Full PDB file with SEQRES, HELIX, SHEET, SSBOND, CRYST1, ORIGX, SCALE, CONECT and MASTER records, all heavy atoms in Angstrom:
SEQRES   1 A   34  VAL PHE GLY ASN LYS TYR TRP VAL TYR PRO THR TYR SER          
SEQRES   2 A   34  ALA PRO TYR ASN GLU GLN VAL PHE MET ASP ALA PHE SER          
SEQRES   3 A   34  SER THR ASP LEU VAL HIS TRP SER                              
HELIX    1 AA1 TYR A   16  GLU A   18  5                                   3    
SHEET    1 AA1 2 TYR A   6  VAL A   8  0                                        
SHEET    2 AA1 2 PHE A  25  SER A  27 -1                                        
CRYST1    1.000    1.000    1.000  90.00  90.00  90.00 P 1           1          
ORIGX1      1.000000  0.000000  0.000000        0.00000                         
ORIGX2      0.000000  1.000000  0.000000        0.00000                         
ORIGX3      0.000000  0.000000  1.000000        0.00000                         
SCALE1      1.000000  0.000000  0.000000        0.00000                         
SCALE2      0.000000  1.000000  0.000000        0.00000                         
SCALE3      0.000000  0.000000  1.000000        0.00000                         
ATOM      1  N   VAL A   1     -47.900 -27.980   6.860  1.00  0.00           N  
ATOM      2  CA  VAL A   1     -48.459 -27.939   5.512  1.00  0.00           C  
ATOM      3  C   VAL A   1     -49.858 -28.534   5.544  1.00  0.00           C  
ATOM      4  O   VAL A   1     -50.052 -29.662   6.016  1.00  0.00           O  
ATOM      5  CB  VAL A   1     -47.578 -28.713   4.515  1.00  0.00           C  
ATOM      6  CG1 VAL A   1     -48.221 -28.706   3.126  1.00  0.00           C  
ATOM      7  CG2 VAL A   1     -46.184 -28.126   4.459  1.00  0.00           C  
ATOM      8  N   PHE A   2     -50.832 -27.794   5.053  1.00  0.00           N  
ATOM      9  CA  PHE A   2     -52.193 -28.281   4.860  1.00  0.00           C  
ATOM     10  C   PHE A   2     -52.531 -28.140   3.382  1.00  0.00           C  
ATOM     11  O   PHE A   2     -52.595 -27.028   2.861  1.00  0.00           O  
ATOM     12  CB  PHE A   2     -53.201 -27.485   5.696  1.00  0.00           C  
ATOM     13  CG  PHE A   2     -53.077 -27.674   7.181  1.00  0.00           C  
ATOM     14  CD1 PHE A   2     -53.101 -26.583   8.039  1.00  0.00           C  
ATOM     15  CD2 PHE A   2     -52.942 -28.940   7.726  1.00  0.00           C  
ATOM     16  CE1 PHE A   2     -53.000 -26.742   9.410  1.00  0.00           C  
ATOM     17  CE2 PHE A   2     -52.840 -29.125   9.102  1.00  0.00           C  
ATOM     18  CZ  PHE A   2     -52.858 -28.027   9.938  1.00  0.00           C  
ATOM     19  N   GLY A   3     -52.724 -29.245   2.691  1.00  0.00           N  
ATOM     20  CA  GLY A   3     -53.027 -29.197   1.268  1.00  0.00           C  
ATOM     21  C   GLY A   3     -51.871 -28.617   0.491  1.00  0.00           C  
ATOM     22  O   GLY A   3     -50.735 -29.084   0.589  1.00  0.00           O  
ATOM     23  N   ASN A   4     -52.125 -27.551  -0.253  1.00  0.00           N  
ATOM     24  CA  ASN A   4     -51.075 -26.909  -1.056  1.00  0.00           C  
ATOM     25  C   ASN A   4     -50.584 -25.611  -0.442  1.00  0.00           C  
ATOM     26  O   ASN A   4     -50.013 -24.764  -1.123  1.00  0.00           O  
ATOM     27  CB  ASN A   4     -51.591 -26.642  -2.477  1.00  0.00           C  
ATOM     28  CG  ASN A   4     -52.749 -25.655  -2.504  1.00  0.00           C  
ATOM     29  OD1 ASN A   4     -53.311 -25.331  -1.452  1.00  0.00           O  
ATOM     30  ND2 ASN A   4     -53.106 -25.166  -3.680  1.00  0.00           N  
ATOM     31  N   LYS A   5     -50.792 -25.449   0.871  1.00  0.00           N  
ATOM     32  CA  LYS A   5     -50.383 -24.222   1.543  1.00  0.00           C  
ATOM     33  C   LYS A   5     -49.491 -24.520   2.743  1.00  0.00           C  
ATOM     34  O   LYS A   5     -49.669 -25.521   3.441  1.00  0.00           O  
ATOM     35  CB  LYS A   5     -51.597 -23.415   2.023  1.00  0.00           C  
ATOM     36  CG  LYS A   5     -52.291 -22.620   0.941  1.00  0.00           C  
ATOM     37  CD  LYS A   5     -53.358 -21.711   1.554  1.00  0.00           C  
ATOM     38  CE  LYS A   5     -54.039 -20.857   0.476  1.00  0.00           C  
ATOM     39  NZ  LYS A   5     -55.046 -19.947   1.076  1.00  0.00           N  
ATOM     40  N   TYR A   6     -48.543 -23.603   2.928  1.00  0.00           N  
ATOM     41  CA  TYR A   6     -47.732 -23.604   4.128  1.00  0.00           C  
ATOM     42  C   TYR A   6     -48.400 -22.679   5.148  1.00  0.00           C  
ATOM     43  O   TYR A   6     -48.843 -21.589   4.796  1.00  0.00           O  
ATOM     44  CB  TYR A   6     -46.323 -23.098   3.833  1.00  0.00           C  
ATOM     45  CG  TYR A   6     -45.594 -23.870   2.768  1.00  0.00           C  
ATOM     46  CD1 TYR A   6     -45.616 -23.447   1.445  1.00  0.00           C  
ATOM     47  CD2 TYR A   6     -44.864 -25.013   3.090  1.00  0.00           C  
ATOM     48  CE1 TYR A   6     -44.945 -24.152   0.452  1.00  0.00           C  
ATOM     49  CE2 TYR A   6     -44.180 -25.728   2.103  1.00  0.00           C  
ATOM     50  CZ  TYR A   6     -44.231 -25.288   0.791  1.00  0.00           C  
ATOM     51  OH  TYR A   6     -43.565 -25.991  -0.180  1.00  0.00           O  
ATOM     52  N   TRP A   7     -48.435 -23.131   6.385  1.00  0.00           N  
ATOM     53  CA  TRP A   7     -49.044 -22.333   7.445  1.00  0.00           C  
ATOM     54  C   TRP A   7     -48.054 -22.126   8.581  1.00  0.00           C  
ATOM     55  O   TRP A   7     -47.278 -23.036   8.905  1.00  0.00           O  
ATOM     56  CB  TRP A   7     -50.294 -23.021   7.993  1.00  0.00           C  
ATOM     57  CG  TRP A   7     -51.448 -22.991   7.040  1.00  0.00           C  
ATOM     58  CD1 TRP A   7     -51.667 -23.840   5.990  1.00  0.00           C  
ATOM     59  CD2 TRP A   7     -52.535 -22.073   7.028  1.00  0.00           C  
ATOM     60  NE1 TRP A   7     -52.814 -23.502   5.330  1.00  0.00           N  
ATOM     61  CE2 TRP A   7     -53.371 -22.418   5.952  1.00  0.00           C  
ATOM     62  CE3 TRP A   7     -52.878 -20.999   7.838  1.00  0.00           C  
ATOM     63  CZ2 TRP A   7     -54.536 -21.723   5.663  1.00  0.00           C  
ATOM     64  CZ3 TRP A   7     -54.047 -20.293   7.556  1.00  0.00           C  
ATOM     65  CH2 TRP A   7     -54.856 -20.661   6.474  1.00  0.00           C  
ATOM     66  N   VAL A   8     -48.099 -20.944   9.181  1.00  0.00           N  
ATOM     67  CA  VAL A   8     -47.323 -20.656  10.384  1.00  0.00           C  
ATOM     68  C   VAL A   8     -48.279 -20.103  11.439  1.00  0.00           C  
ATOM     69  O   VAL A   8     -49.018 -19.146  11.188  1.00  0.00           O  
ATOM     70  CB  VAL A   8     -46.195 -19.651  10.114  1.00  0.00           C  
ATOM     71  CG1 VAL A   8     -45.488 -19.284  11.426  1.00  0.00           C  
ATOM     72  CG2 VAL A   8     -45.189 -20.228   9.130  1.00  0.00           C  
ATOM     73  N   TYR A   9     -48.248 -20.743  12.609  1.00  0.00           N  
ATOM     74  CA  TYR A   9     -49.040 -20.296  13.758  1.00  0.00           C  
ATOM     75  C   TYR A   9     -48.066 -19.862  14.851  1.00  0.00           C  
ATOM     76  O   TYR A   9     -47.417 -20.703  15.477  1.00  0.00           O  
ATOM     77  CB  TYR A   9     -49.940 -21.422  14.270  1.00  0.00           C  
ATOM     78  CG  TYR A   9     -50.982 -21.869  13.284  1.00  0.00           C  
ATOM     79  CD1 TYR A   9     -50.654 -22.771  12.269  1.00  0.00           C  
ATOM     80  CD2 TYR A   9     -52.291 -21.399  13.345  1.00  0.00           C  
ATOM     81  CE1 TYR A   9     -51.601 -23.178  11.341  1.00  0.00           C  
ATOM     82  CE2 TYR A   9     -53.242 -21.804  12.424  1.00  0.00           C  
ATOM     83  CZ  TYR A   9     -52.892 -22.702  11.419  1.00  0.00           C  
ATOM     84  OH  TYR A   9     -53.832 -23.101  10.499  1.00  0.00           O  
ATOM     85  N   PRO A  10     -47.912 -18.557  15.080  1.00  0.00           N  
ATOM     86  CA  PRO A  10     -46.982 -18.078  16.107  1.00  0.00           C  
ATOM     87  C   PRO A  10     -47.714 -17.551  17.349  1.00  0.00           C  
ATOM     88  O   PRO A  10     -48.935 -17.353  17.358  1.00  0.00           O  
ATOM     89  CB  PRO A  10     -46.280 -16.934  15.392  1.00  0.00           C  
ATOM     90  CG  PRO A  10     -47.377 -16.335  14.539  1.00  0.00           C  
ATOM     91  CD  PRO A  10     -48.327 -17.469  14.177  1.00  0.00           C  
ATOM     92  N   THR A  11     -46.930 -17.338  18.383  1.00  0.00           N  
ATOM     93  CA  THR A  11     -47.388 -16.575  19.540  1.00  0.00           C  
ATOM     94  C   THR A  11     -47.342 -15.091  19.191  1.00  0.00           C  
ATOM     95  O   THR A  11     -46.373 -14.632  18.587  1.00  0.00           O  
ATOM     96  CB  THR A  11     -46.466 -16.826  20.747  1.00  0.00           C  
ATOM     97  OG1 THR A  11     -46.550 -18.193  21.129  1.00  0.00           O  
ATOM     98  CG2 THR A  11     -46.834 -15.947  21.923  1.00  0.00           C  
ATOM     99  N   TYR A  12     -48.378 -14.365  19.545  1.00  0.00           N  
ATOM    100  CA  TYR A  12     -48.312 -12.909  19.478  1.00  0.00           C  
ATOM    101  C   TYR A  12     -47.582 -12.442  20.731  1.00  0.00           C  
ATOM    102  O   TYR A  12     -48.075 -12.595  21.860  1.00  0.00           O  
ATOM    103  CB  TYR A  12     -49.710 -12.298  19.404  1.00  0.00           C  
ATOM    104  CG  TYR A  12     -49.727 -10.798  19.559  1.00  0.00           C  
ATOM    105  CD1 TYR A  12     -49.121  -9.983  18.611  1.00  0.00           C  
ATOM    106  CD2 TYR A  12     -50.333 -10.193  20.664  1.00  0.00           C  
ATOM    107  CE1 TYR A  12     -49.117  -8.598  18.751  1.00  0.00           C  
ATOM    108  CE2 TYR A  12     -50.332  -8.817  20.809  1.00  0.00           C  
ATOM    109  CZ  TYR A  12     -49.729  -8.028  19.852  1.00  0.00           C  
ATOM    110  OH  TYR A  12     -49.714  -6.660  19.998  1.00  0.00           O  
ATOM    111  N   SER A  13     -46.405 -11.887  20.553  1.00  0.00           N  
ATOM    112  CA  SER A  13     -45.549 -11.548  21.686  1.00  0.00           C  
ATOM    113  C   SER A  13     -45.854 -10.142  22.185  1.00  0.00           C  
ATOM    114  O   SER A  13     -45.667  -9.162  21.469  1.00  0.00           O  
ATOM    115  CB  SER A  13     -44.080 -11.664  21.271  1.00  0.00           C  
ATOM    116  OG  SER A  13     -43.231 -11.566  22.391  1.00  0.00           O  
ATOM    117  N   ALA A  14     -46.332 -10.064  23.426  1.00  0.00           N  
ATOM    118  CA  ALA A  14     -46.727  -8.786  24.020  1.00  0.00           C  
ATOM    119  C   ALA A  14     -46.772  -8.963  25.528  1.00  0.00           C  
ATOM    120  O   ALA A  14     -46.641 -10.085  26.030  1.00  0.00           O  
ATOM    121  CB  ALA A  14     -48.098  -8.364  23.496  1.00  0.00           C  
ATOM    122  N   PRO A  15     -46.945  -7.890  26.304  1.00  0.00           N  
ATOM    123  CA  PRO A  15     -47.195  -8.057  27.736  1.00  0.00           C  
ATOM    124  C   PRO A  15     -48.347  -9.037  27.942  1.00  0.00           C  
ATOM    125  O   PRO A  15     -49.322  -9.045  27.180  1.00  0.00           O  
ATOM    126  CB  PRO A  15     -47.561  -6.642  28.189  1.00  0.00           C  
ATOM    127  CG  PRO A  15     -46.830  -5.748  27.237  1.00  0.00           C  
ATOM    128  CD  PRO A  15     -46.883  -6.464  25.917  1.00  0.00           C  
ATOM    129  N   TYR A  16     -48.241  -9.862  28.970  1.00  0.00           N  
ATOM    130  CA  TYR A  16     -49.169 -10.983  29.132  1.00  0.00           C  
ATOM    131  C   TYR A  16     -50.636 -10.576  29.092  1.00  0.00           C  
ATOM    132  O   TYR A  16     -51.479 -11.296  28.546  1.00  0.00           O  
ATOM    133  CB  TYR A  16     -48.875 -11.724  30.434  1.00  0.00           C  
ATOM    134  CG  TYR A  16     -47.634 -12.583  30.381  1.00  0.00           C  
ATOM    135  CD1 TYR A  16     -47.191 -13.258  31.507  1.00  0.00           C  
ATOM    136  CD2 TYR A  16     -46.905 -12.718  29.205  1.00  0.00           C  
ATOM    137  CE1 TYR A  16     -46.051 -14.053  31.470  1.00  0.00           C  
ATOM    138  CE2 TYR A  16     -45.773 -13.506  29.152  1.00  0.00           C  
ATOM    139  CZ  TYR A  16     -45.346 -14.174  30.293  1.00  0.00           C  
ATOM    140  OH  TYR A  16     -44.231 -14.972  30.254  1.00  0.00           O  
ATOM    141  N   ASN A  17     -50.983  -9.425  29.649  1.00  0.00           N  
ATOM    142  CA  ASN A  17     -52.381  -9.009  29.662  1.00  0.00           C  
ATOM    143  C   ASN A  17     -52.876  -8.581  28.288  1.00  0.00           C  
ATOM    144  O   ASN A  17     -54.078  -8.437  28.070  1.00  0.00           O  
ATOM    145  CB  ASN A  17     -52.598  -7.877  30.664  1.00  0.00           C  
ATOM    146  CG  ASN A  17     -52.495  -8.364  32.106  1.00  0.00           C  
ATOM    147  OD1 ASN A  17     -52.718  -9.544  32.386  1.00  0.00           O  
ATOM    148  ND2 ASN A  17     -52.158  -7.473  33.014  1.00  0.00           N  
ATOM    149  N   GLU A  18     -51.942  -8.360  27.343  1.00  0.00           N  
ATOM    150  CA  GLU A  18     -52.309  -8.039  25.961  1.00  0.00           C  
ATOM    151  C   GLU A  18     -52.156  -9.255  25.039  1.00  0.00           C  
ATOM    152  O   GLU A  18     -52.566  -9.196  23.883  1.00  0.00           O  
ATOM    153  CB  GLU A  18     -51.419  -6.907  25.450  1.00  0.00           C  
ATOM    154  CG  GLU A  18     -51.530  -5.614  26.241  1.00  0.00           C  
ATOM    155  CD  GLU A  18     -50.519  -4.572  25.794  1.00  0.00           C  
ATOM    156  OE1 GLU A  18     -49.989  -4.714  24.666  1.00  0.00           O  
ATOM    157  OE2 GLU A  18     -50.239  -3.638  26.568  1.00  0.00           O  
ATOM    158  N   GLN A  19     -51.611 -10.307  25.559  1.00  0.00           N  
ATOM    159  CA  GLN A  19     -51.347 -11.516  24.766  1.00  0.00           C  
ATOM    160  C   GLN A  19     -52.592 -12.408  24.828  1.00  0.00           C  
ATOM    161  O   GLN A  19     -52.598 -13.466  25.452  1.00  0.00           O  
ATOM    162  CB  GLN A  19     -50.128 -12.224  25.362  1.00  0.00           C  
ATOM    163  CG  GLN A  19     -49.395 -13.136  24.407  1.00  0.00           C  
ATOM    164  CD  GLN A  19     -48.045 -13.551  24.966  1.00  0.00           C  
ATOM    165  OE1 GLN A  19     -47.192 -12.723  25.217  1.00  0.00           O  
ATOM    166  NE2 GLN A  19     -47.870 -14.834  25.163  1.00  0.00           N  
ATOM    167  N   VAL A  20     -53.647 -11.975  24.142  1.00  0.00           N  
ATOM    168  CA  VAL A  20     -54.956 -12.616  24.303  1.00  0.00           C  
ATOM    169  C   VAL A  20     -55.528 -13.121  22.981  1.00  0.00           C  
ATOM    170  O   VAL A  20     -56.716 -13.421  22.894  1.00  0.00           O  
ATOM    171  CB  VAL A  20     -55.955 -11.639  24.961  1.00  0.00           C  
ATOM    172  CG1 VAL A  20     -55.535 -11.335  26.391  1.00  0.00           C  
ATOM    173  CG2 VAL A  20     -56.071 -10.350  24.154  1.00  0.00           C  
ATOM    174  N   PHE A  21     -54.688 -13.225  21.947  1.00  0.00           N  
ATOM    175  CA  PHE A  21     -55.161 -13.744  20.667  1.00  0.00           C  
ATOM    176  C   PHE A  21     -53.998 -14.345  19.901  1.00  0.00           C  
ATOM    177  O   PHE A  21     -52.827 -14.180  20.272  1.00  0.00           O  
ATOM    178  CB  PHE A  21     -55.821 -12.633  19.836  1.00  0.00           C  
ATOM    179  CG  PHE A  21     -54.881 -11.534  19.426  1.00  0.00           C  
ATOM    180  CD1 PHE A  21     -54.140 -11.634  18.247  1.00  0.00           C  
ATOM    181  CD2 PHE A  21     -54.723 -10.400  20.203  1.00  0.00           C  
ATOM    182  CE1 PHE A  21     -53.267 -10.624  17.857  1.00  0.00           C  
ATOM    183  CE2 PHE A  21     -53.865  -9.388  19.822  1.00  0.00           C  
ATOM    184  CZ  PHE A  21     -53.132  -9.500  18.649  1.00  0.00           C  
ATOM    185  N   MET A  22     -54.333 -15.045  18.811  1.00  0.00           N  
ATOM    186  CA  MET A  22     -53.322 -15.626  17.940  1.00  0.00           C  
ATOM    187  C   MET A  22     -53.671 -15.353  16.489  1.00  0.00           C  
ATOM    188  O   MET A  22     -54.837 -15.487  16.092  1.00  0.00           O  
ATOM    189  CB  MET A  22     -53.207 -17.132  18.156  1.00  0.00           C  
ATOM    190  CG  MET A  22     -52.603 -17.507  19.489  1.00  0.00           C  
ATOM    191  SD  MET A  22     -52.465 -19.292  19.728  1.00  0.00           S  
ATOM    192  CE  MET A  22     -51.566 -19.320  21.282  1.00  0.00           C  
ATOM    193  N   ASP A  23     -52.671 -14.933  15.726  1.00  0.00           N  
ATOM    194  CA  ASP A  23     -52.806 -14.778  14.280  1.00  0.00           C  
ATOM    195  C   ASP A  23     -52.200 -16.010  13.596  1.00  0.00           C  
ATOM    196  O   ASP A  23     -51.440 -16.767  14.204  1.00  0.00           O  
ATOM    197  CB  ASP A  23     -52.051 -13.535  13.797  1.00  0.00           C  
ATOM    198  CG  ASP A  23     -52.621 -12.244  14.343  1.00  0.00           C  
ATOM    199  OD1 ASP A  23     -53.841 -12.188  14.567  1.00  0.00           O  
ATOM    200  OD2 ASP A  23     -51.832 -11.300  14.553  1.00  0.00           O  
ATOM    201  N   ALA A  24     -52.520 -16.180  12.331  1.00  0.00           N  
ATOM    202  CA  ALA A  24     -51.903 -17.228  11.513  1.00  0.00           C  
ATOM    203  C   ALA A  24     -51.488 -16.623  10.182  1.00  0.00           C  
ATOM    204  O   ALA A  24     -52.008 -15.568   9.772  1.00  0.00           O  
ATOM    205  CB  ALA A  24     -52.866 -18.387  11.291  1.00  0.00           C  
ATOM    206  N   PHE A  25     -50.566 -17.280   9.512  1.00  0.00           N  
ATOM    207  CA  PHE A  25     -50.063 -16.807   8.225  1.00  0.00           C  
ATOM    208  C   PHE A  25     -49.988 -17.987   7.264  1.00  0.00           C  
ATOM    209  O   PHE A  25     -49.587 -19.095   7.651  1.00  0.00           O  
ATOM    210  CB  PHE A  25     -48.679 -16.180   8.383  1.00  0.00           C  
ATOM    211  CG  PHE A  25     -48.660 -14.972   9.272  1.00  0.00           C  
ATOM    212  CD1 PHE A  25     -48.589 -15.123  10.652  1.00  0.00           C  
ATOM    213  CD2 PHE A  25     -48.736 -13.698   8.741  1.00  0.00           C  
ATOM    214  CE1 PHE A  25     -48.584 -14.011  11.487  1.00  0.00           C  
ATOM    215  CE2 PHE A  25     -48.726 -12.584   9.569  1.00  0.00           C  
ATOM    216  CZ  PHE A  25     -48.651 -12.739  10.947  1.00  0.00           C  
ATOM    217  N   SER A  26     -50.368 -17.752   5.999  1.00  0.00           N  
ATOM    218  CA  SER A  26     -50.339 -18.824   5.004  1.00  0.00           C  
ATOM    219  C   SER A  26     -49.630 -18.363   3.736  1.00  0.00           C  
ATOM    220  O   SER A  26     -49.588 -17.164   3.428  1.00  0.00           O  
ATOM    221  CB  SER A  26     -51.759 -19.289   4.663  1.00  0.00           C  
ATOM    222  OG  SER A  26     -52.497 -18.248   4.033  1.00  0.00           O  
ATOM    223  N   SER A  27     -49.088 -19.335   3.002  1.00  0.00           N  
ATOM    224  CA  SER A  27     -48.359 -19.032   1.774  1.00  0.00           C  
ATOM    225  C   SER A  27     -48.381 -20.254   0.860  1.00  0.00           C  
ATOM    226  O   SER A  27     -48.369 -21.399   1.335  1.00  0.00           O  
ATOM    227  CB  SER A  27     -46.915 -18.656   2.095  1.00  0.00           C  
ATOM    228  OG  SER A  27     -46.143 -18.497   0.918  1.00  0.00           O  
ATOM    229  N   THR A  28     -48.380 -20.004  -0.430  1.00  0.00           N  
ATOM    230  CA  THR A  28     -48.260 -21.095  -1.398  1.00  0.00           C  
ATOM    231  C   THR A  28     -46.842 -21.245  -1.914  1.00  0.00           C  
ATOM    232  O   THR A  28     -46.526 -22.236  -2.578  1.00  0.00           O  
ATOM    233  CB  THR A  28     -49.207 -20.869  -2.596  1.00  0.00           C  
ATOM    234  OG1 THR A  28     -48.892 -19.609  -3.200  1.00  0.00           O  
ATOM    235  CG2 THR A  28     -50.662 -20.888  -2.150  1.00  0.00           C  
ATOM    236  N   ASP A  29     -45.975 -20.260  -1.613  1.00  0.00           N  
ATOM    237  CA  ASP A  29     -44.627 -20.285  -2.186  1.00  0.00           C  
ATOM    238  C   ASP A  29     -43.519 -19.956  -1.189  1.00  0.00           C  
ATOM    239  O   ASP A  29     -42.348 -19.865  -1.568  1.00  0.00           O  
ATOM    240  CB  ASP A  29     -44.542 -19.313  -3.373  1.00  0.00           C  
ATOM    241  CG  ASP A  29     -44.905 -17.878  -2.994  1.00  0.00           C  
ATOM    242  OD1 ASP A  29     -45.068 -17.595  -1.772  1.00  0.00           O  
ATOM    243  OD2 ASP A  29     -45.030 -17.039  -3.906  1.00  0.00           O  
ATOM    244  N   LEU A  30     -43.873 -19.754   0.079  1.00  0.00           N  
ATOM    245  CA  LEU A  30     -42.921 -19.384   1.133  1.00  0.00           C  
ATOM    246  C   LEU A  30     -42.305 -17.997   0.912  1.00  0.00           C  
ATOM    247  O   LEU A  30     -41.347 -17.637   1.584  1.00  0.00           O  
ATOM    248  CB  LEU A  30     -41.797 -20.425   1.267  1.00  0.00           C  
ATOM    249  CG  LEU A  30     -42.219 -21.823   1.717  1.00  0.00           C  
ATOM    250  CD1 LEU A  30     -41.013 -22.761   1.722  1.00  0.00           C  
ATOM    251  CD2 LEU A  30     -42.858 -21.769   3.096  1.00  0.00           C  
ATOM    252  N   VAL A  31     -42.839 -17.244  -0.035  1.00  0.00           N  
ATOM    253  CA  VAL A  31     -42.357 -15.895  -0.314  1.00  0.00           C  
ATOM    254  C   VAL A  31     -43.422 -14.865   0.055  1.00  0.00           C  
ATOM    255  O   VAL A  31     -43.157 -13.899   0.764  1.00  0.00           O  
ATOM    256  CB  VAL A  31     -41.972 -15.742  -1.800  1.00  0.00           C  
ATOM    257  CG1 VAL A  31     -41.538 -14.309  -2.088  1.00  0.00           C  
ATOM    258  CG2 VAL A  31     -40.860 -16.717  -2.167  1.00  0.00           C  
ATOM    259  N   HIS A  32     -44.614 -15.062  -0.457  1.00  0.00           N  
ATOM    260  CA  HIS A  32     -45.715 -14.138  -0.213  1.00  0.00           C  
ATOM    261  C   HIS A  32     -46.643 -14.740   0.846  1.00  0.00           C  
ATOM    262  O   HIS A  32     -47.121 -15.870   0.696  1.00  0.00           O  
ATOM    263  CB  HIS A  32     -46.486 -13.878  -1.510  1.00  0.00           C  
ATOM    264  CG  HIS A  32     -45.606 -13.407  -2.629  1.00  0.00           C  
ATOM    265  ND1 HIS A  32     -45.070 -14.281  -3.559  1.00  0.00           N  
ATOM    266  CD2 HIS A  32     -45.150 -12.173  -2.948  1.00  0.00           C  
ATOM    267  CE1 HIS A  32     -44.332 -13.590  -4.416  1.00  0.00           C  
ATOM    268  NE2 HIS A  32     -44.357 -12.310  -4.064  1.00  0.00           N  
ATOM    269  N   TRP A  33     -46.892 -13.975   1.907  1.00  0.00           N  
ATOM    270  CA  TRP A  33     -47.643 -14.466   3.049  1.00  0.00           C  
ATOM    271  C   TRP A  33     -48.941 -13.688   3.233  1.00  0.00           C  
ATOM    272  O   TRP A  33     -48.967 -12.466   3.099  1.00  0.00           O  
ATOM    273  CB  TRP A  33     -46.801 -14.362   4.319  1.00  0.00           C  
ATOM    274  CG  TRP A  33     -45.633 -15.306   4.308  1.00  0.00           C  
ATOM    275  CD1 TRP A  33     -44.380 -15.064   3.809  1.00  0.00           C  
ATOM    276  CD2 TRP A  33     -45.627 -16.660   4.765  1.00  0.00           C  
ATOM    277  NE1 TRP A  33     -43.597 -16.182   3.953  1.00  0.00           N  
ATOM    278  CE2 TRP A  33     -44.322 -17.172   4.529  1.00  0.00           C  
ATOM    279  CE3 TRP A  33     -46.584 -17.486   5.363  1.00  0.00           C  
ATOM    280  CZ2 TRP A  33     -43.958 -18.476   4.877  1.00  0.00           C  
ATOM    281  CZ3 TRP A  33     -46.225 -18.775   5.710  1.00  0.00           C  
ATOM    282  CH2 TRP A  33     -44.937 -19.261   5.469  1.00  0.00           C  
ATOM    283  N   SER A  34     -50.009 -14.424   3.537  1.00  0.00           N  
ATOM    284  CA  SER A  34     -51.293 -13.807   3.867  1.00  0.00           C  
ATOM    285  C   SER A  34     -51.521 -13.920   5.368  1.00  0.00           C  
ATOM    286  O   SER A  34     -51.305 -14.980   5.964  1.00  0.00           O  
ATOM    287  CB  SER A  34     -52.436 -14.519   3.132  1.00  0.00           C  
ATOM    288  OG  SER A  34     -52.295 -14.379   1.732  1.00  0.00           O  
TER     289      SER A  34                                                      
MASTER        0    0    0    1    2    0    0    6  288    1    0    3          
END                                                                             
């Protein structure tokens, strides 16, 4: 939790040579995610 938002930082699961970045997801209500 940062401030008033929930954040999730996952591994992008793919073959290792394609696993070269990370996405993040945020939500204020745990229902709708950006």
